[in-house]
């Protein structure tokens, strides 16, 4: 294994948050340690956008996790009781070896009961 990848995985294990990845294909769940945080915008802007149907939270979240767990658009992450959906995902490589996975997610919309 590439030394850079090993060091990154050590950092994820030590400092990453615990979350669950839920696969779009089969609903399978995998516990993982990864970095997961909101993408900050200008502080003056609220994280909501007005639409004809009401206000919508448009805050996006950044996931950085182990290369072995490749996220795909539509996969979900459960973190601290909330669920997020991957809008885009990719594996970051260096010299033809996967280093880590990166994804941009939005909070999953609540469904009416």
N, C-alpha and C. Protein backbone atom coordinates (compact mmCIF):
# COMPACT_ATOMS: atom_id res chain seq x y z
N UNK A 1 0.84 -1.17 0.00
CA UNK A 1 0.00 0.00 0.00
C UNK A 1 0.89 1.24 0.00
N UNK A 2 0.45 2.21 -0.71
CA UNK A 2 1.15 3.48 -0.79
C UNK A 2 1.26 4.10 0.61
N UNK A 3 2.44 4.63 0.93
CA UNK A 3 2.68 5.24 2.25
C UNK A 3 1.72 6.41 2.50
N UNK A 4 1.47 7.22 1.49
CA UNK A 4 0.56 8.36 1.65
C UNK A 4 -0.85 7.88 2.00
N UNK A 5 -1.31 6.84 1.34
CA UNK A 5 -2.65 6.30 1.62
C UNK A 5 -2.71 5.74 3.03
N UNK A 6 -1.68 5.05 3.46
CA UNK A 6 -1.65 4.48 4.81
C UNK A 6 -1.71 5.59 5.86
N UNK A 7 -0.97 6.67 5.64
CA UNK A 7 -0.99 7.78 6.59
C UNK A 7 -2.37 8.44 6.64
N UNK A 8 -2.99 8.61 5.50
CA UNK A 8 -4.33 9.21 5.47
C UNK A 8 -5.33 8.31 6.20
N UNK A 9 -5.26 7.02 6.00
CA UNK A 9 -6.17 6.10 6.68
C UNK A 9 -5.94 6.11 8.19
N UNK A 10 -4.68 6.27 8.61
CA UNK A 10 -4.39 6.40 10.05
C UNK A 10 -5.05 7.66 10.62
N UNK A 11 -4.97 8.77 9.88
CA UNK A 11 -5.59 10.02 10.33
C UNK A 11 -7.11 9.86 10.40
N UNK A 12 -7.72 9.22 9.42
CA UNK A 12 -9.17 8.99 9.44
C UNK A 12 -9.57 8.16 10.65
N UNK A 13 -8.80 7.11 10.94
CA UNK A 13 -9.11 6.26 12.09
C UNK A 13 -9.00 7.04 13.40
N UNK A 14 -8.00 7.89 13.49
CA UNK A 14 -7.76 8.64 14.73
C UNK A 14 -8.72 9.81 14.92
N UNK A 15 -8.97 10.58 13.86
CA UNK A 15 -9.69 11.84 14.00
C UNK A 15 -11.03 11.90 13.27
N UNK A 16 -11.35 10.90 12.46
CA UNK A 16 -12.60 10.93 11.71
C UNK A 16 -13.82 10.70 12.60
N UNK A 17 -14.98 11.10 12.09
CA UNK A 17 -16.23 10.87 12.79
C UNK A 17 -16.79 9.51 12.41
N UNK A 18 -17.57 8.95 13.31
CA UNK A 18 -18.23 7.68 13.03
C UNK A 18 -19.53 7.97 12.28
N UNK A 19 -19.71 7.30 11.15
CA UNK A 19 -20.94 7.45 10.38
C UNK A 19 -21.25 6.15 9.68
N UNK A 20 -22.42 6.09 9.07
CA UNK A 20 -22.86 4.88 8.38
C UNK A 20 -23.14 5.22 6.93
N UNK A 21 -22.59 4.41 6.03
CA UNK A 21 -22.86 4.54 4.59
C UNK A 21 -23.96 3.55 4.24
N UNK A 22 -24.97 4.04 3.53
CA UNK A 22 -26.10 3.20 3.10
C UNK A 22 -26.09 3.18 1.58
N UNK A 23 -25.92 2.01 1.01
CA UNK A 23 -25.82 1.86 -0.45
C UNK A 23 -27.17 2.02 -1.13
N UNK A 24 -27.16 2.76 -2.23
CA UNK A 24 -28.36 2.98 -3.04
C UNK A 24 -28.83 1.66 -3.65
N UNK A 25 -27.89 0.86 -4.10
CA UNK A 25 -28.23 -0.39 -4.82
C UNK A 25 -29.02 -1.38 -3.98
N UNK A 26 -28.51 -1.69 -2.77
CA UNK A 26 -29.13 -2.78 -2.01
C UNK A 26 -29.49 -2.39 -0.58
N UNK A 27 -29.25 -1.14 -0.19
CA UNK A 27 -29.56 -0.71 1.17
C UNK A 27 -28.59 -1.22 2.21
N UNK A 28 -27.51 -1.88 1.77
CA UNK A 28 -26.52 -2.39 2.71
C UNK A 28 -25.86 -1.26 3.48
N UNK A 29 -25.58 -1.50 4.76
CA UNK A 29 -24.99 -0.48 5.61
C UNK A 29 -23.57 -0.86 6.02
N UNK A 30 -22.68 0.15 6.03
CA UNK A 30 -21.30 -0.04 6.43
C UNK A 30 -20.89 1.07 7.38
N UNK A 31 -20.41 0.71 8.57
CA UNK A 31 -19.89 1.70 9.51
C UNK A 31 -18.50 2.11 9.04
N UNK A 32 -18.21 3.41 9.14
CA UNK A 32 -16.93 3.92 8.65
C UNK A 32 -16.52 5.13 9.48
N UNK A 33 -15.23 5.40 9.53
CA UNK A 33 -14.71 6.63 10.12
C UNK A 33 -14.23 7.49 8.97
N UNK A 34 -14.74 8.72 8.93
CA UNK A 34 -14.43 9.63 7.83
C UNK A 34 -14.57 11.06 8.32
N UNK A 35 -14.09 11.99 7.52
CA UNK A 35 -14.34 13.40 7.79
C UNK A 35 -15.64 13.78 7.12
N UNK A 36 -16.50 14.48 7.85
CA UNK A 36 -17.80 14.87 7.32
C UNK A 36 -18.15 16.22 7.93
N UNK A 37 -18.26 17.23 7.09
CA UNK A 37 -18.52 18.57 7.60
C UNK A 37 -19.24 19.42 6.57
N UNK A 38 -19.93 20.46 7.04
CA UNK A 38 -20.61 21.35 6.09
C UNK A 38 -19.61 22.14 5.27
N UNK A 39 -19.98 22.43 4.04
CA UNK A 39 -19.18 23.32 3.20
C UNK A 39 -19.65 24.73 3.50
N UNK A 40 -18.77 25.54 4.01
CA UNK A 40 -19.14 26.88 4.44
C UNK A 40 -19.26 27.83 3.26
N UNK A 41 -20.30 28.64 3.29
CA UNK A 41 -20.51 29.68 2.30
C UNK A 41 -20.25 31.01 2.99
N UNK A 42 -20.51 32.09 2.30
CA UNK A 42 -20.40 33.40 2.93
C UNK A 42 -21.27 33.43 4.18
N UNK A 43 -20.73 33.94 5.25
CA UNK A 43 -21.43 33.94 6.53
C UNK A 43 -22.74 34.72 6.51
N UNK A 44 -22.86 35.70 5.60
CA UNK A 44 -24.07 36.50 5.54
C UNK A 44 -25.24 35.74 4.95
N UNK A 45 -24.96 34.71 4.16
CA UNK A 45 -26.03 33.98 3.49
C UNK A 45 -26.60 32.90 4.40
N UNK A 46 -27.92 32.86 4.57
CA UNK A 46 -28.51 31.75 5.34
C UNK A 46 -28.43 30.46 4.52
N UNK A 47 -28.45 29.30 5.17
CA UNK A 47 -28.35 28.04 4.43
C UNK A 47 -29.67 27.59 3.81
N UNK A 48 -30.58 28.53 3.55
CA UNK A 48 -31.86 28.18 2.93
C UNK A 48 -32.11 29.06 1.72
N UNK A 49 -32.87 28.52 0.79
CA UNK A 49 -33.26 29.24 -0.41
C UNK A 49 -34.78 29.25 -0.48
N UNK A 50 -35.36 30.39 -0.78
CA UNK A 50 -36.82 30.48 -0.91
C UNK A 50 -37.24 29.90 -2.25
N UNK A 51 -38.26 29.06 -2.22
CA UNK A 51 -38.84 28.47 -3.43
C UNK A 51 -40.35 28.70 -3.38
N UNK A 52 -41.06 28.48 -4.48
CA UNK A 52 -42.52 28.62 -4.45
C UNK A 52 -43.19 27.71 -3.43
N UNK A 53 -42.52 26.61 -3.06
CA UNK A 53 -43.11 25.67 -2.09
C UNK A 53 -42.60 25.90 -0.68
N UNK A 54 -41.81 26.94 -0.46
CA UNK A 54 -41.28 27.22 0.87
C UNK A 54 -39.76 27.25 0.87
N UNK A 55 -39.18 27.38 2.05
CA UNK A 55 -37.73 27.45 2.18
C UNK A 55 -37.11 26.05 2.08
N UNK A 56 -35.98 25.97 1.39
CA UNK A 56 -35.28 24.70 1.21
C UNK A 56 -33.85 24.87 1.71
N UNK A 57 -33.39 23.93 2.53
CA UNK A 57 -32.02 23.95 3.01
C UNK A 57 -31.11 23.56 1.85
N UNK A 58 -30.21 24.46 1.47
CA UNK A 58 -29.32 24.16 0.34
C UNK A 58 -27.88 23.96 0.79
N UNK A 59 -27.69 23.69 2.07
CA UNK A 59 -26.34 23.46 2.58
C UNK A 59 -25.79 22.14 2.06
N UNK A 60 -24.56 22.17 1.63
CA UNK A 60 -23.90 20.96 1.15
C UNK A 60 -22.87 20.51 2.17
N UNK A 61 -22.56 19.21 2.14
CA UNK A 61 -21.63 18.61 3.09
C UNK A 61 -20.52 17.90 2.32
N UNK A 62 -19.33 17.92 2.89
CA UNK A 62 -18.16 17.27 2.29
C UNK A 62 -17.81 16.02 3.06
N UNK A 63 -17.65 14.92 2.33
CA UNK A 63 -17.23 13.63 2.90
C UNK A 63 -15.85 13.32 2.35
N UNK A 64 -14.93 12.94 3.23
CA UNK A 64 -13.63 12.40 2.84
C UNK A 64 -13.44 11.13 3.64
N UNK A 65 -13.33 10.01 2.93
CA UNK A 65 -13.26 8.72 3.60
C UNK A 65 -12.28 7.77 2.94
N UNK A 66 -12.22 6.55 3.46
CA UNK A 66 -11.26 5.57 2.95
C UNK A 66 -11.49 5.22 1.48
N UNK A 67 -10.40 4.99 0.78
CA UNK A 67 -10.47 4.67 -0.66
C UNK A 67 -11.21 3.36 -0.92
N UNK A 68 -11.13 2.44 0.01
CA UNK A 68 -11.75 1.13 -0.19
C UNK A 68 -13.28 1.20 -0.25
N UNK A 69 -13.85 2.28 0.29
CA UNK A 69 -15.30 2.43 0.31
C UNK A 69 -15.69 3.52 -0.67
N UNK A 70 -15.88 3.15 -1.93
CA UNK A 70 -16.19 4.13 -2.98
C UNK A 70 -17.67 4.48 -2.93
N UNK A 71 -17.97 5.75 -2.63
CA UNK A 71 -19.36 6.20 -2.68
C UNK A 71 -19.77 6.46 -4.11
N UNK A 72 -21.07 6.37 -4.37
CA UNK A 72 -21.64 6.68 -5.67
C UNK A 72 -22.79 7.64 -5.47
N UNK A 73 -23.11 8.46 -6.47
CA UNK A 73 -24.29 9.34 -6.35
C UNK A 73 -25.52 8.51 -5.99
N UNK A 74 -26.28 9.00 -5.03
CA UNK A 74 -27.46 8.28 -4.56
C UNK A 74 -27.21 7.49 -3.29
N UNK A 75 -25.95 7.16 -2.99
CA UNK A 75 -25.64 6.52 -1.71
C UNK A 75 -25.96 7.53 -0.61
N UNK A 76 -26.23 7.02 0.59
CA UNK A 76 -26.59 7.88 1.71
C UNK A 76 -25.60 7.74 2.86
N UNK A 77 -25.56 8.77 3.67
CA UNK A 77 -24.76 8.75 4.90
C UNK A 77 -25.68 9.12 6.04
N UNK A 78 -25.61 8.31 7.10
CA UNK A 78 -26.34 8.63 8.33
C UNK A 78 -25.30 9.14 9.33
N UNK A 79 -25.55 10.35 9.86
CA UNK A 79 -24.60 10.98 10.77
C UNK A 79 -25.37 11.75 11.83
N UNK A 80 -25.17 11.39 13.07
CA UNK A 80 -25.80 12.05 14.22
C UNK A 80 -27.31 12.18 14.04
N UNK A 81 -27.94 11.10 13.60
CA UNK A 81 -29.40 11.07 13.49
C UNK A 81 -29.97 11.65 12.20
N UNK A 82 -29.16 12.28 11.38
CA UNK A 82 -29.63 12.83 10.11
C UNK A 82 -29.14 11.97 8.96
N UNK A 83 -29.81 12.08 7.82
CA UNK A 83 -29.43 11.32 6.64
C UNK A 83 -29.12 12.29 5.50
N UNK A 84 -28.06 11.98 4.74
CA UNK A 84 -27.58 12.82 3.66
C UNK A 84 -27.45 11.97 2.41
N UNK A 85 -27.67 12.58 1.24
CA UNK A 85 -27.61 11.87 -0.04
C UNK A 85 -26.45 12.41 -0.86
N UNK A 86 -25.64 11.51 -1.41
CA UNK A 86 -24.50 11.91 -2.24
C UNK A 86 -24.99 12.45 -3.58
N UNK A 87 -24.59 13.68 -3.89
CA UNK A 87 -24.93 14.31 -5.16
C UNK A 87 -23.85 13.99 -6.20
N UNK A 88 -22.62 13.98 -5.75
CA UNK A 88 -21.50 13.62 -6.62
C UNK A 88 -20.45 12.92 -5.76
N UNK A 89 -19.69 12.03 -6.37
CA UNK A 89 -18.69 11.27 -5.64
C UNK A 89 -17.56 10.89 -6.59
N UNK A 90 -16.36 10.81 -6.03
CA UNK A 90 -15.21 10.40 -6.84
C UNK A 90 -14.13 9.83 -5.94
N UNK A 91 -13.25 9.07 -6.54
CA UNK A 91 -12.08 8.55 -5.85
C UNK A 91 -10.89 9.38 -6.29
N UNK A 92 -10.14 9.87 -5.33
CA UNK A 92 -8.96 10.69 -5.60
C UNK A 92 -7.74 9.77 -5.66
N UNK A 93 -7.01 9.86 -6.75
CA UNK A 93 -5.87 8.97 -6.98
C UNK A 93 -4.57 9.77 -7.06
N UNK A 94 -3.48 9.09 -6.76
CA UNK A 94 -2.14 9.64 -6.92
C UNK A 94 -1.28 8.52 -7.49
N UNK A 95 -0.69 8.79 -8.65
CA UNK A 95 0.14 7.79 -9.33
C UNK A 95 -0.59 6.46 -9.50
N UNK A 96 -1.81 6.54 -9.99
CA UNK A 96 -2.63 5.38 -10.34
C UNK A 96 -3.07 4.54 -9.15
N UNK A 97 -2.95 5.09 -7.94
CA UNK A 97 -3.45 4.37 -6.77
C UNK A 97 -4.48 5.23 -6.06
N UNK A 98 -5.59 4.62 -5.67
CA UNK A 98 -6.65 5.33 -4.96
C UNK A 98 -6.15 5.74 -3.58
N UNK A 99 -6.32 7.04 -3.25
CA UNK A 99 -5.92 7.54 -1.93
C UNK A 99 -7.10 7.66 -0.98
N UNK A 100 -8.18 8.27 -1.46
CA UNK A 100 -9.35 8.45 -0.61
C UNK A 100 -10.58 8.72 -1.47
N UNK A 101 -11.74 8.57 -0.83
CA UNK A 101 -12.99 8.89 -1.50
C UNK A 101 -13.46 10.27 -1.08
N UNK A 102 -14.09 10.98 -1.99
CA UNK A 102 -14.59 12.34 -1.74
C UNK A 102 -16.00 12.43 -2.31
N UNK A 103 -16.90 13.05 -1.55
CA UNK A 103 -18.27 13.20 -2.03
C UNK A 103 -18.86 14.51 -1.52
N UNK A 104 -19.80 15.03 -2.28
CA UNK A 104 -20.59 16.19 -1.89
C UNK A 104 -22.02 15.69 -1.66
N UNK A 105 -22.57 16.03 -0.50
CA UNK A 105 -23.90 15.53 -0.14
C UNK A 105 -24.81 16.67 0.27
N UNK A 106 -26.11 16.40 0.21
CA UNK A 106 -27.14 17.31 0.72
C UNK A 106 -27.99 16.52 1.71
N UNK A 107 -28.55 17.24 2.67
CA UNK A 107 -29.40 16.56 3.64
C UNK A 107 -30.63 16.01 2.91
N UNK A 108 -30.99 14.77 3.26
CA UNK A 108 -32.13 14.14 2.63
C UNK A 108 -33.41 14.87 3.05
N UNK A 109 -34.28 15.10 2.09
CA UNK A 109 -35.55 15.77 2.38
C UNK A 109 -36.44 14.85 3.20
N UNK A 110 -37.13 15.44 4.16
CA UNK A 110 -38.07 14.67 4.96
C UNK A 110 -39.31 14.39 4.14
N UNK A 111 -39.86 13.19 4.29
CA UNK A 111 -41.08 12.85 3.57
C UNK A 111 -42.28 13.09 4.47
N UNK A 112 -43.38 13.48 3.87
CA UNK A 112 -44.60 13.75 4.63
C UNK A 112 -45.14 12.44 5.18
N UNK A 113 -45.60 12.49 6.40
CA UNK A 113 -46.15 11.28 7.05
C UNK A 113 -47.62 11.14 6.77
